[in-house]
Amino acid sequence: MKARRIKAGVTALALAASVGLATVGTAASSSAAGGWCTGVKIAAFPGGPQGGVFAINVYNGQVQAAKDLGATVKYYWSNWDPSVMTTQLKEAVASKPNGIAGIVGLVGDASAGPIIADAFKKGIIVANANSGLPIVTPKYAAAGMGYVGATNYKAGVDLANEAISRGKLAKGGTSFVWGLKGAAGDRAQRTIGIIDALEKAGIKVVYQEIDQATNTTPASGVPTFVGVMAKNPEIKSVFLDHGGLTATAEAYLKGASIKAGGVYVAGFDMSPAVGTAIKSGYLSLIIDQQEWLQGYLPILQVCLTTKFKFSGLDINTAGGFVDKANVDAIIPLAAKLIR
């Protein structure tokens, strides 16, 4: 069997009849008796930090999937730290669940490969989300290893090109890209895609790697942002390659004494803070990754493969943009931590 690509929007519509509103919480595990996936045990990886931007939406999708399907789910929060995630993956395999679902690709193919190989050898299905594992995934696609999330390099290119068009970013101008070019594996590709598209358009790039402190607690990055902008006053556009940093855009600009609309700011992922920043003009454009689906669908994948031997599904959840023109339709869903 070959991995199958389906549109996330179609999948979401098919699930809409049974999926209720997302729940917010910090439960160690969740399940519902009587579902068709009852008896299936899953180790779920929402990312992290617990309750943080993006990760909470992933978690809510996972909780809803457990409720709808009846699987028993245990959660592992990693604070977006690949070393923590690697350790947790090993622990999850040792606990002998039926499957592992969620954001596990951040550790990269080299680190994840041996762990995933061990998992499948022991009959444990791995369904990845958010950051692809292009070397490992094809090896196990027929056995149920799927991917839910963006095609990262393309997402970076698409965001940059859309911002160039909508923001009228001119050749010869300067953009600040705050990203994760040094991250393991596929995650780095989104930042690289942004940079490649900007440079192709003749725009100079000032780059800053996101350190682990800012990765975990985005507000701690205010001094870094202020310093970069003060050192490079010619910057006219900013690209934030991280959902948590995008949600903190207004605080960054205010810290640097930049008024709303003073620079064109583009980033990733919807959240209540992102909706507010778009409305106020501090944030110009985002790609909506629909992170709730990155929680729900990998749980569904494990259940489908465990019960019915389906192969891995490859699902792109990052097909749309949000700006002032359409943000009002999304804000109510973001408030419920679904979008």
Protein backbone atom coordinates (compact mmCIF):
# COMPACT_ATOMS: atom_id res chain seq x y z
CA MET A 1 0.00 0.00 0.00
CA LYS A 2 1.14 3.54 -0.73
CA ALA A 3 0.69 6.53 1.57
CA ARG A 4 -2.32 8.54 0.53
CA ARG A 5 -2.60 12.32 0.45
CA ILE A 6 -6.00 13.79 1.26
CA LYS A 7 -7.11 17.35 1.80
CA ALA A 8 -7.38 18.28 5.47
CA GLY A 9 -10.46 20.35 4.78
CA VAL A 10 -12.32 17.34 3.42
CA THR A 11 -11.28 15.30 6.43
CA ALA A 12 -12.45 18.01 8.79
CA LEU A 13 -15.86 18.13 7.13
CA ALA A 14 -16.20 14.38 7.41
CA LEU A 15 -15.46 14.58 11.12
CA ALA A 16 -17.62 17.62 11.81
CA ALA A 17 -20.75 15.67 12.64
CA SER A 18 -19.08 13.90 15.55
CA VAL A 19 -16.49 16.40 16.76
CA GLY A 20 -17.55 18.85 19.47
CA LEU A 21 -15.81 21.91 20.82
CA ALA A 22 -12.22 21.55 21.98
CA THR A 23 -11.53 21.14 25.66
CA VAL A 24 -8.81 22.90 27.60
CA GLY A 25 -7.02 21.10 30.36
CA THR A 26 -3.89 19.44 31.69
CA ALA A 27 -5.01 15.84 32.07
CA ALA A 28 -2.31 13.17 32.12
CA SER A 29 -4.53 10.87 30.10
CA SER A 30 -7.95 10.84 28.50
CA SER A 31 -10.38 8.41 26.90
CA ALA A 32 -14.06 7.64 26.44
CA ALA A 33 -15.67 4.25 26.83
CA GLY A 34 -17.68 2.75 24.02
CA GLY A 35 -15.90 4.23 20.99
CA TRP A 36 -14.76 2.04 18.11
CA CYS A 37 -11.14 2.55 19.19
CA THR A 38 -11.73 1.49 22.81
CA GLY A 39 -8.86 -0.59 24.17
CA VAL A 40 -6.22 1.12 22.03
CA LYS A 41 -3.48 2.82 24.06
CA ILE A 42 -1.70 5.83 22.57
CA ALA A 43 1.23 7.99 23.68
CA ALA A 44 0.52 11.53 22.43
CA PHE A 45 3.00 14.37 21.90
CA PRO A 46 1.39 17.86 21.84
CA GLY A 47 4.77 19.64 21.78
CA GLY A 48 5.02 22.12 24.57
CA PRO A 49 5.11 23.92 26.90
CA GLN A 50 2.00 22.61 28.59
CA GLY A 51 -0.81 25.07 27.90
CA GLY A 52 1.37 27.13 25.54
CA VAL A 53 0.42 28.66 22.21
CA PHE A 54 0.05 26.09 19.41
CA ALA A 55 0.65 23.12 21.72
CA ILE A 56 -2.64 23.68 23.55
CA ASN A 57 -4.57 23.46 20.28
CA VAL A 58 -2.76 20.24 19.37
CA TYR A 59 -3.56 18.88 22.82
CA ASN A 60 -7.22 19.86 22.49
CA GLY A 61 -7.41 17.97 19.20
CA GLN A 62 -5.88 14.93 20.86
CA VAL A 63 -8.30 15.11 23.78
CA GLN A 64 -11.26 15.41 21.40
CA ALA A 65 -10.03 12.42 19.39
CA ALA A 66 -9.74 10.32 22.55
CA LYS A 67 -13.27 11.37 23.51
CA ASP A 68 -14.73 10.63 20.08
CA LEU A 69 -12.90 7.39 19.39
CA GLY A 70 -12.53 5.83 22.83
CA ALA A 71 -8.74 5.42 22.80
CA THR A 72 -6.79 5.75 26.05
CA VAL A 73 -4.22 8.52 25.61
CA LYS A 74 -1.22 9.55 27.72
CA TYR A 75 0.40 12.93 27.04
CA TYR A 76 4.08 13.89 26.87
CA TRP A 77 4.98 17.62 26.96
CA SER A 78 8.46 18.48 25.67
CA ASN A 79 8.73 22.30 25.86
CA TRP A 80 9.74 22.14 22.17
CA ASP A 81 13.08 20.72 23.31
CA PRO A 82 14.29 17.99 20.89
CA SER A 83 16.48 16.36 23.55
CA VAL A 84 13.52 16.08 25.92
CA MET A 85 11.35 14.77 23.09
CA THR A 86 13.94 12.12 22.20
CA THR A 87 14.03 10.87 25.79
CA GLN A 88 10.24 10.86 25.97
CA LEU A 89 9.97 8.90 22.72
CA LYS A 90 12.17 6.19 24.16
CA GLU A 91 10.05 6.16 27.32
CA ALA A 92 6.88 5.95 25.25
CA VAL A 93 8.17 2.97 23.27
CA ALA A 94 9.17 1.26 26.52
CA SER A 95 5.62 1.68 27.85
CA LYS A 96 4.37 -0.52 24.95
CA PRO A 97 1.35 1.45 23.69
CA ASN A 98 -0.45 0.51 20.49
CA GLY A 99 0.71 3.75 18.94
CA ILE A 100 2.59 7.04 19.28
CA ALA A 101 0.91 10.11 17.82
CA GLY A 102 1.71 13.79 17.50
CA ILE A 103 4.70 16.08 17.18
CA VAL A 104 7.68 13.73 17.12
CA GLY A 105 9.44 14.88 13.94
CA LEU A 106 11.21 17.81 15.59
CA VAL A 107 14.04 15.50 16.65
CA GLY A 108 14.91 14.86 12.98
CA ASP A 109 15.43 11.68 10.97
CA ALA A 110 18.81 10.83 12.49
CA SER A 111 17.57 10.77 16.08
CA ALA A 112 14.04 9.56 15.41
CA GLY A 113 14.99 6.80 12.96
CA PRO A 114 16.31 4.18 15.40
CA ILE A 115 13.50 4.86 17.90
CA ILE A 116 10.79 4.57 15.26
CA ALA A 117 12.39 1.44 13.85
CA ASP A 118 12.30 -0.08 17.33
CA ALA A 119 8.67 0.98 17.74
CA PHE A 120 7.48 -0.67 14.53
CA LYS A 121 9.54 -3.78 15.31
CA LYS A 122 7.52 -4.03 18.52
CA GLY A 123 4.22 -3.47 16.71
CA ILE A 124 3.85 0.18 17.82
CA ILE A 125 2.44 2.52 15.15
CA VAL A 126 3.96 6.01 14.87
CA ALA A 127 1.86 8.83 13.38
CA ASN A 128 3.85 12.07 13.07
CA ALA A 129 2.70 15.70 12.91
CA ASN A 130 4.04 19.23 12.31
CA SER A 131 7.62 18.46 11.22
CA GLY A 132 8.20 15.81 8.58
CA LEU A 133 10.60 12.88 8.66
CA PRO A 134 11.27 12.49 4.93
CA ILE A 135 13.78 9.64 5.30
CA VAL A 136 11.98 7.59 7.96
CA THR A 137 8.34 8.00 6.95
CA PRO A 138 8.46 6.21 3.55
CA LYS A 139 9.96 3.13 5.23
CA TYR A 140 6.89 2.67 7.43
CA ALA A 141 4.08 4.33 5.45
CA ALA A 142 2.54 0.99 4.53
CA ALA A 143 2.58 0.01 8.21
CA GLY A 144 0.65 3.13 9.24
CA MET A 145 3.18 5.93 9.60
CA GLY A 146 1.45 9.08 8.42
CA TYR A 147 2.17 12.81 8.51
CA VAL A 148 -0.19 15.65 9.40
CA GLY A 149 1.08 19.20 8.92
CA ALA A 150 2.66 21.60 6.49
CA THR A 151 5.12 20.85 3.73
CA ASN A 152 7.62 23.00 5.56
CA TYR A 153 9.89 24.35 2.83
CA LYS A 154 6.89 25.16 0.64
CA ALA A 155 5.11 26.82 3.58
CA GLY A 156 8.11 29.09 4.13
CA VAL A 157 8.31 30.01 0.45
CA ASP A 158 4.56 30.56 0.24
CA LEU A 159 4.49 32.86 3.28
CA ALA A 160 7.39 34.94 1.97
CA ASN A 161 5.93 35.26 -1.51
CA GLU A 162 2.49 36.15 -0.18
CA ALA A 163 4.00 38.80 2.10
CA ILE A 164 6.07 40.23 -0.77
CA SER A 165 2.90 40.54 -2.85
CA ARG A 166 0.48 41.81 -0.20
CA GLY A 167 3.01 43.97 1.64
CA LYS A 168 4.59 45.32 -1.54
CA LEU A 169 8.04 44.44 -0.23
CA ALA A 170 10.53 45.99 -2.62
CA LYS A 171 13.70 44.63 -4.17
CA GLY A 172 16.66 46.08 -2.30
CA GLY A 173 14.75 46.20 0.99
CA THR A 174 15.64 44.43 4.23
CA SER A 175 13.71 41.76 6.15
CA PHE A 176 14.34 40.32 9.59
CA VAL A 177 13.84 36.55 9.73
CA TRP A 178 13.66 35.07 13.23
CA GLY A 179 13.63 31.33 12.78
CA LEU A 180 14.97 27.84 13.36
CA LYS A 181 17.44 27.31 10.54
CA GLY A 182 19.59 25.28 12.91
CA ALA A 183 16.80 22.89 13.93
CA ALA A 184 17.05 19.19 13.21
CA GLY A 185 15.73 17.82 9.94
CA ASP A 186 12.62 19.08 8.21
CA ARG A 187 11.78 21.79 10.76
CA ALA A 188 14.68 23.92 9.50
CA GLN A 189 13.27 23.85 5.99
CA ARG A 190 10.49 26.33 6.74
CA THR A 191 12.98 29.00 7.78
CA ILE A 192 15.18 28.17 4.80
CA GLY A 193 12.16 28.49 2.50
CA ILE A 194 11.42 31.99 3.81
CA ILE A 195 15.03 33.08 3.34
CA ASP A 196 15.32 31.57 -0.14
CA ALA A 197 12.15 33.30 -1.37
CA LEU A 198 13.18 36.67 0.05
CA GLU A 199 16.67 36.50 -1.42
CA LYS A 200 15.28 35.39 -4.78
CA ALA A 201 13.17 38.56 -4.73
CA GLY A 202 16.28 40.65 -4.09
CA ILE A 203 15.52 41.36 -0.45
CA LYS A 204 18.37 41.39 2.06
CA VAL A 205 17.88 39.10 5.06
CA VAL A 206 18.94 39.81 8.62
CA TYR A 207 18.73 36.43 10.35
CA GLN A 208 18.46 35.52 14.03
CA GLU A 209 18.21 31.96 15.36
CA ILE A 210 15.51 31.40 18.01
CA ASP A 211 17.26 30.33 21.21
CA GLN A 212 15.77 27.66 23.47
CA ALA A 213 14.62 30.17 26.10
CA THR A 214 12.60 32.10 23.51
CA ASN A 215 11.46 28.84 21.91
CA THR A 216 9.92 27.80 25.24
CA THR A 217 8.86 31.26 26.51
CA PRO A 218 8.48 33.66 23.56
CA ALA A 219 8.07 36.75 25.74
CA SER A 220 11.66 36.32 26.88
CA GLY A 221 12.74 37.23 23.35
CA VAL A 222 11.69 40.89 23.59
CA PRO A 223 15.26 42.14 24.28
CA THR A 224 16.57 40.14 21.31
CA PHE A 225 13.96 41.64 18.99
CA VAL A 226 14.59 45.15 20.28
CA GLY A 227 18.34 44.71 19.76
CA VAL A 228 18.03 43.43 16.18
CA MET A 229 15.66 46.23 15.18
CA ALA A 230 17.82 48.93 16.81
CA LYS A 231 20.93 47.64 15.05
CA ASN A 232 19.16 47.44 11.68
CA PRO A 233 16.79 50.43 11.38
CA GLU A 234 16.40 49.79 7.65
CA ILE A 235 14.27 46.66 8.34
CA LYS A 236 10.81 47.04 6.78
CA SER A 237 9.43 43.52 7.25
CA VAL A 238 9.67 40.80 9.88
CA PHE A 239 9.11 37.03 9.55
CA LEU A 240 8.48 35.06 12.74
CA ASP A 241 8.93 31.35 12.06
CA HIS A 242 7.27 30.09 15.23
CA GLY A 243 3.67 30.12 16.44
CA GLY A 244 4.57 31.34 19.92
CA LEU A 245 6.71 34.18 18.58
CA THR A 246 3.97 35.15 16.12
CA ALA A 247 1.51 35.35 19.02
CA THR A 248 3.97 37.69 20.78
CA ALA A 249 4.40 40.03 17.80
CA GLU A 250 2.57 42.95 19.40
CA ALA A 251 4.80 42.79 22.49
CA TYR A 252 7.93 42.69 20.32
CA LEU A 253 6.94 45.75 18.31
CA LYS A 254 5.85 47.72 21.37
CA GLY A 255 9.12 46.81 23.07
CA ALA A 256 10.97 48.24 20.08
CA SER A 257 8.73 51.36 20.05
CA ILE A 258 7.37 50.45 16.61
CA LYS A 259 3.80 51.52 15.93
CA ALA A 260 1.17 49.22 14.45
CA GLY A 261 1.87 48.98 10.74
CA GLY A 262 5.36 50.39 11.14
CA VAL A 263 6.79 47.18 9.68
CA TYR A 264 5.10 44.35 7.79
CA VAL A 265 5.01 41.32 10.11
CA ALA A 266 4.28 37.78 8.89
CA GLY A 267 4.25 34.51 10.80
CA PHE A 268 2.58 31.21 11.51
CA ASP A 269 -0.43 29.84 13.35
CA MET A 270 -3.69 31.23 14.65
CA SER A 271 -4.32 31.99 18.34
CA PRO A 272 -6.34 34.54 20.33
CA ALA A 273 -3.28 36.80 20.62
CA VAL A 274 -2.65 36.52 16.87
CA GLY A 275 -6.24 37.53 16.14
CA THR A 276 -5.88 40.58 18.39
CA ALA A 277 -2.56 41.57 16.78
CA ILE A 278 -3.98 41.28 13.26
CA LYS A 279 -6.98 43.40 14.21
CA SER A 280 -4.76 46.06 15.80
CA GLY A 281 -2.32 46.13 12.89
CA TYR A 282 0.75 44.84 14.68
CA LEU A 283 0.62 41.59 12.70
CA SER A 284 -0.02 41.57 8.95
CA LEU A 285 -0.26 37.98 7.71
CA ILE A 286 -0.09 34.37 8.90
CA ILE A 287 -0.31 30.87 7.51
CA ASP A 288 -2.88 28.96 9.54
CA GLN A 289 -1.53 25.44 10.17
CA GLN A 290 -4.79 24.32 11.80
CA GLU A 291 -2.88 22.79 14.68
CA TRP A 292 -6.01 21.22 16.22
CA LEU A 293 -6.01 18.84 13.24
CA GLN A 294 -2.36 18.04 13.99
CA GLY A 295 -3.62 16.69 17.30
CA TYR A 296 -6.81 14.96 16.19
CA LEU A 297 -5.75 13.24 12.98
CA PRO A 298 -2.64 11.34 14.22
CA ILE A 299 -4.78 9.79 16.98
CA LEU A 300 -7.29 8.84 14.29
CA GLN A 301 -4.44 7.43 12.18
CA VAL A 302 -3.30 5.10 14.96
CA CYS A 303 -6.87 3.90 15.47
CA LEU A 304 -7.46 3.35 11.75
CA THR A 305 -4.26 1.37 11.37
CA THR A 306 -4.72 -0.63 14.57
CA LYS A 307 -8.31 -1.59 13.83
CA PHE A 308 -8.43 -1.69 10.03
CA LYS A 309 -4.78 -1.92 8.85
CA PHE A 310 -4.93 1.35 6.90
CA SER A 311 -1.62 2.72 5.62
CA GLY A 312 -0.24 6.13 6.58
CA LEU A 313 -2.10 9.26 5.46
CA ASP A 314 -0.16 12.34 4.31
CA ILE A 315 -2.26 15.42 5.13
CA ASN A 316 -1.35 19.06 4.48
CA THR A 317 -3.05 21.28 7.08
CA ALA A 318 -1.43 24.57 6.05
CA GLY A 319 -3.26 25.64 2.93
CA GLY A 320 -4.67 29.03 3.93
CA PHE A 321 -3.69 32.56 4.97
CA VAL A 322 -5.26 34.88 7.53
CA ASP A 323 -5.09 38.69 7.52
CA LYS A 324 -7.46 41.58 8.30
CA ALA A 325 -9.78 40.58 5.47
CA ASN A 326 -10.81 37.24 6.99
CA VAL A 327 -9.63 37.23 10.61
CA ASP A 328 -13.09 38.02 12.01
CA ALA A 329 -14.36 34.63 10.86
CA ILE A 330 -11.53 32.82 12.65
CA ILE A 331 -11.32 34.76 15.92
CA PRO A 332 -14.33 33.04 17.60
CA LEU A 333 -12.78 29.63 16.87
CA ALA A 334 -9.37 30.79 18.08
CA ALA A 335 -10.99 31.87 21.35
CA LYS A 336 -12.14 28.27 21.84
CA LEU A 337 -8.60 27.04 21.05
CA ILE A 338 -9.76 25.13 17.98
CA ARG A 339 -7.96 27.41 15.47
